[in-house]
Amino acid sequence: MPLADPLPTPDTRLQALYGAHHGWLLGWLRKKLNNQHQAADLTHDTFARLLGAPPATSSTPGALALRSPRAYLTTIARGLMIDSFRRADLEQAYLADLAALPPALHPSPEERLLALQTLEALGRILDAMTPKTRQAWLLSRLDGLAHADIAAQMKVSVPRVRQYLANAARLAYQLQFGEAH
């Protein structure tokens, strides 16, 4: 009596998804970016993102068992493309500011890399915040306003400002260190 085929594992599903859609996604990104190397990088990053996707549960099929895999891949790739544009814009702005400094004040390559990585991390944290949480955090950190002043400017209560700032701190911690800590 022949044994039944085993259920597909996440690895075999990912291989099948990759085989079926890699070429299409690469072509789609190549058209969008007009850059073969960047398209290849983002295609790779899109499939790498699937490796870290939550596994299937009884209520959700998971990223590897989708009805519309191309739509899902497009959504991931579009987000990664936007992130790469933001990163490039941020890097260009930073380099333009550096060019305006006297040569004696130019940071070392290591310091520049660290500054860019810090700016990218801060950008991810700010992007993940709700608009009101972001506003409260920026008023506190950049403008140095006290909680009462932030509350008056935002037309909310002081406890609400504290809640926004606590949410910002929790989100920053989660993005920096992950949920497990």
Protein backbone atom coordinates (compact mmCIF):
# COMPACT_ATOMS: atom_id res chain seq x y z
CA MET A 1 0.00 0.00 0.00
CA PRO A 2 1.65 3.30 -1.10
CA LEU A 3 2.11 5.99 1.48
CA ALA A 4 0.26 9.27 0.97
CA ASP A 5 2.31 12.32 0.07
CA PRO A 6 3.29 14.20 3.20
CA LEU A 7 1.74 17.59 3.82
CA PRO A 8 3.73 20.43 2.31
CA THR A 9 6.14 22.02 4.74
CA PRO A 10 6.77 25.77 4.91
CA ASP A 11 10.10 25.16 3.13
CA THR A 12 8.49 23.37 0.19
CA ARG A 13 5.73 26.00 0.01
CA LEU A 14 8.34 28.77 -0.08
CA GLN A 15 10.29 26.93 -2.78
CA ALA A 16 7.11 26.55 -4.84
CA LEU A 17 6.19 30.21 -4.33
CA TYR A 18 9.71 31.27 -5.27
CA GLY A 19 9.76 29.07 -8.36
CA ALA A 20 6.36 30.23 -9.53
CA HIS A 21 6.72 33.97 -8.91
CA HIS A 22 10.40 34.97 -8.70
CA GLY A 23 10.76 35.80 -12.40
CA TRP A 24 7.50 37.70 -12.49
CA LEU A 25 8.38 39.76 -9.37
CA LEU A 26 11.86 40.51 -10.68
CA GLY A 27 10.36 41.76 -13.96
CA TRP A 28 7.77 43.86 -12.15
CA LEU A 29 10.42 45.48 -9.96
CA ARG A 30 12.76 45.98 -12.92
CA LYS A 31 10.00 47.95 -14.70
CA LYS A 32 9.25 50.01 -11.60
CA LEU A 33 12.87 50.77 -10.71
CA ASN A 34 14.59 50.72 -14.10
CA ASN A 35 17.56 49.18 -12.29
CA GLN A 36 18.38 45.47 -12.62
CA HIS A 37 20.58 45.26 -9.50
CA GLN A 38 18.17 47.08 -7.22
CA ALA A 39 15.28 44.97 -8.59
CA ALA A 40 17.23 41.78 -7.85
CA ASP A 41 18.02 42.98 -4.32
CA LEU A 42 14.39 43.86 -3.59
CA THR A 43 13.16 40.58 -5.08
CA HIS A 44 15.52 38.73 -2.75
CA ASP A 45 14.44 40.87 0.20
CA THR A 46 10.76 40.21 -0.58
CA PHE A 47 11.21 36.45 -0.41
CA ALA A 48 13.47 36.81 2.64
CA ARG A 49 10.64 38.69 4.33
CA LEU A 50 8.41 35.64 3.75
CA LEU A 51 10.87 33.53 5.73
CA GLY A 52 10.10 35.66 8.78
CA ALA A 53 6.32 35.72 8.21
CA PRO A 54 4.10 34.33 10.96
CA PRO A 55 3.32 30.64 10.52
CA ALA A 56 -0.12 29.37 9.58
CA THR A 57 -2.62 28.92 12.41
CA SER A 58 -6.10 27.45 12.59
CA SER A 59 -7.58 30.88 11.83
CA THR A 60 -5.04 32.25 9.30
CA PRO A 61 -3.43 30.47 6.38
CA GLY A 62 -0.08 32.17 6.81
CA ALA A 63 1.94 33.97 4.17
CA LEU A 64 2.89 30.80 2.30
CA ALA A 65 -0.68 29.59 1.66
CA LEU A 66 -2.30 32.53 -0.09
CA ARG A 67 -5.04 32.76 -2.66
CA SER A 68 -3.37 35.76 -4.32
CA PRO A 69 0.38 35.33 -3.86
CA ARG A 70 1.26 37.95 -6.48
CA ALA A 71 -0.81 40.59 -4.72
CA TYR A 72 0.88 39.71 -1.43
CA LEU A 73 4.36 39.73 -2.99
CA THR A 74 3.58 43.06 -4.67
CA THR A 75 2.51 44.57 -1.35
CA ILE A 76 5.71 43.43 0.36
CA ALA A 77 7.89 44.55 -2.56
CA ARG A 78 6.17 47.94 -2.74
CA GLY A 79 6.80 48.52 0.98
CA LEU A 80 10.45 47.53 0.60
CA MET A 81 10.76 49.80 -2.45
CA ILE A 82 9.35 52.75 -0.47
CA ASP A 83 11.74 51.96 2.38
CA SER A 84 14.68 51.95 -0.03
CA PHE A 85 13.60 55.32 -1.49
CA ARG A 86 13.30 56.79 2.00
CA ARG A 87 16.68 55.40 2.97
CA ALA A 88 18.27 56.89 -0.17
CA ASP A 89 16.62 60.27 0.47
CA LEU A 90 17.78 60.23 4.08
CA GLU A 91 21.31 59.31 3.06
CA GLN A 92 21.40 62.07 0.43
CA ALA A 93 20.17 64.68 2.92
CA TYR A 94 22.78 63.56 5.45
CA LEU A 95 25.57 63.63 2.86
CA ALA A 96 24.48 67.10 1.70
CA ASP A 97 24.68 68.34 5.29
CA LEU A 98 28.13 66.76 5.62
CA ALA A 99 29.32 68.49 2.47
CA ALA A 100 28.44 71.84 4.06
CA LEU A 101 30.74 71.16 7.03
CA PRO A 102 34.37 72.23 7.05
CA PRO A 103 36.63 69.23 6.28
CA ALA A 104 38.04 69.25 9.82
CA LEU A 105 34.56 68.47 11.19
CA HIS A 106 33.76 65.60 8.80
CA PRO A 107 32.99 62.39 10.69
CA SER A 108 34.90 59.20 10.01
CA PRO A 109 33.30 56.58 7.72
CA GLU A 110 32.39 54.53 10.80
CA GLU A 111 30.69 57.54 12.42
CA ARG A 112 28.80 58.24 9.18
CA LEU A 113 27.56 54.66 8.97
CA LEU A 114 26.48 54.72 12.61
CA ALA A 115 24.65 58.03 12.07
CA LEU A 116 22.83 56.68 8.99
CA GLN A 117 21.84 53.49 10.82
CA THR A 118 20.56 55.55 13.75
CA LEU A 119 18.55 57.80 11.43
CA GLU A 120 17.06 54.77 9.67
CA ALA A 121 16.07 53.20 12.99
CA LEU A 122 14.52 56.46 14.14
CA GLY A 123 12.63 56.73 10.85
CA ARG A 124 11.22 53.20 11.29
CA ILE A 125 10.12 54.04 14.83
CA LEU A 126 8.46 57.30 13.77
CA ASP A 127 6.74 55.59 10.82
CA ALA A 128 5.30 52.94 13.14
CA MET A 129 3.77 55.53 15.52
CA THR A 130 0.24 56.82 15.22
CA PRO A 131 0.11 60.50 14.20
CA LYS A 132 -0.83 61.71 17.70
CA THR A 133 1.83 59.57 19.39
CA ARG A 134 4.42 60.85 16.91
CA GLN A 135 3.33 64.47 17.48
CA ALA A 136 3.53 64.12 21.27
CA TRP A 137 6.92 62.43 21.07
CA LEU A 138 8.35 65.08 18.72
CA LEU A 139 7.01 67.92 20.88
CA SER A 140 8.61 66.29 23.92
CA ARG A 141 11.94 65.27 22.40
CA LEU A 142 12.63 67.91 19.78
CA ASP A 143 10.85 70.94 21.21
CA GLY A 144 11.50 70.04 24.85
CA LEU A 145 7.94 70.79 25.90
CA ALA A 146 6.58 69.66 29.26
CA HIS A 147 3.60 67.32 29.39
CA ALA A 148 1.21 70.16 30.27
CA ASP A 149 2.43 72.25 27.32
CA ILE A 150 2.07 69.31 24.95
CA ALA A 151 -1.45 68.68 26.26
CA ALA A 152 -2.40 72.31 25.69
CA GLN A 153 -0.97 72.35 22.17
CA MET A 154 -2.61 69.04 21.21
CA LYS A 155 -5.85 69.88 23.07
CA VAL A 156 -5.78 66.66 25.09
CA SER A 157 -5.35 65.85 28.78
CA VAL A 158 -1.98 65.43 30.47
CA PRO A 159 -2.70 61.74 31.20
CA ARG A 160 -3.37 61.26 27.47
CA VAL A 161 0.02 62.84 26.67
CA ARG A 162 1.64 60.44 29.14
CA GLN A 163 -0.14 57.58 27.38
CA TYR A 164 1.13 58.74 23.97
CA LEU A 165 4.69 59.00 25.28
CA ALA A 166 4.48 55.59 26.97
CA ASN A 167 3.21 54.11 23.68
CA ALA A 168 6.12 55.73 21.85
CA ALA A 169 8.65 54.33 24.33
CA ARG A 170 7.10 50.84 24.18
CA LEU A 171 7.06 50.87 20.38
CA ALA A 172 10.68 52.03 20.21
CA TYR A 173 11.69 49.27 22.62
CA GLN A 174 9.80 46.62 20.65
CA LEU A 175 11.31 47.71 17.35
CA GLN A 176 14.79 47.85 18.85
CA PHE A 177 14.77 44.67 20.91
CA GLY A 178 11.78 42.66 19.68
CA GLU A 179 8.68 41.44 21.47
CA ALA A 180 10.41 38.73 23.49
CA HIS A 181 12.32 41.03 25.84
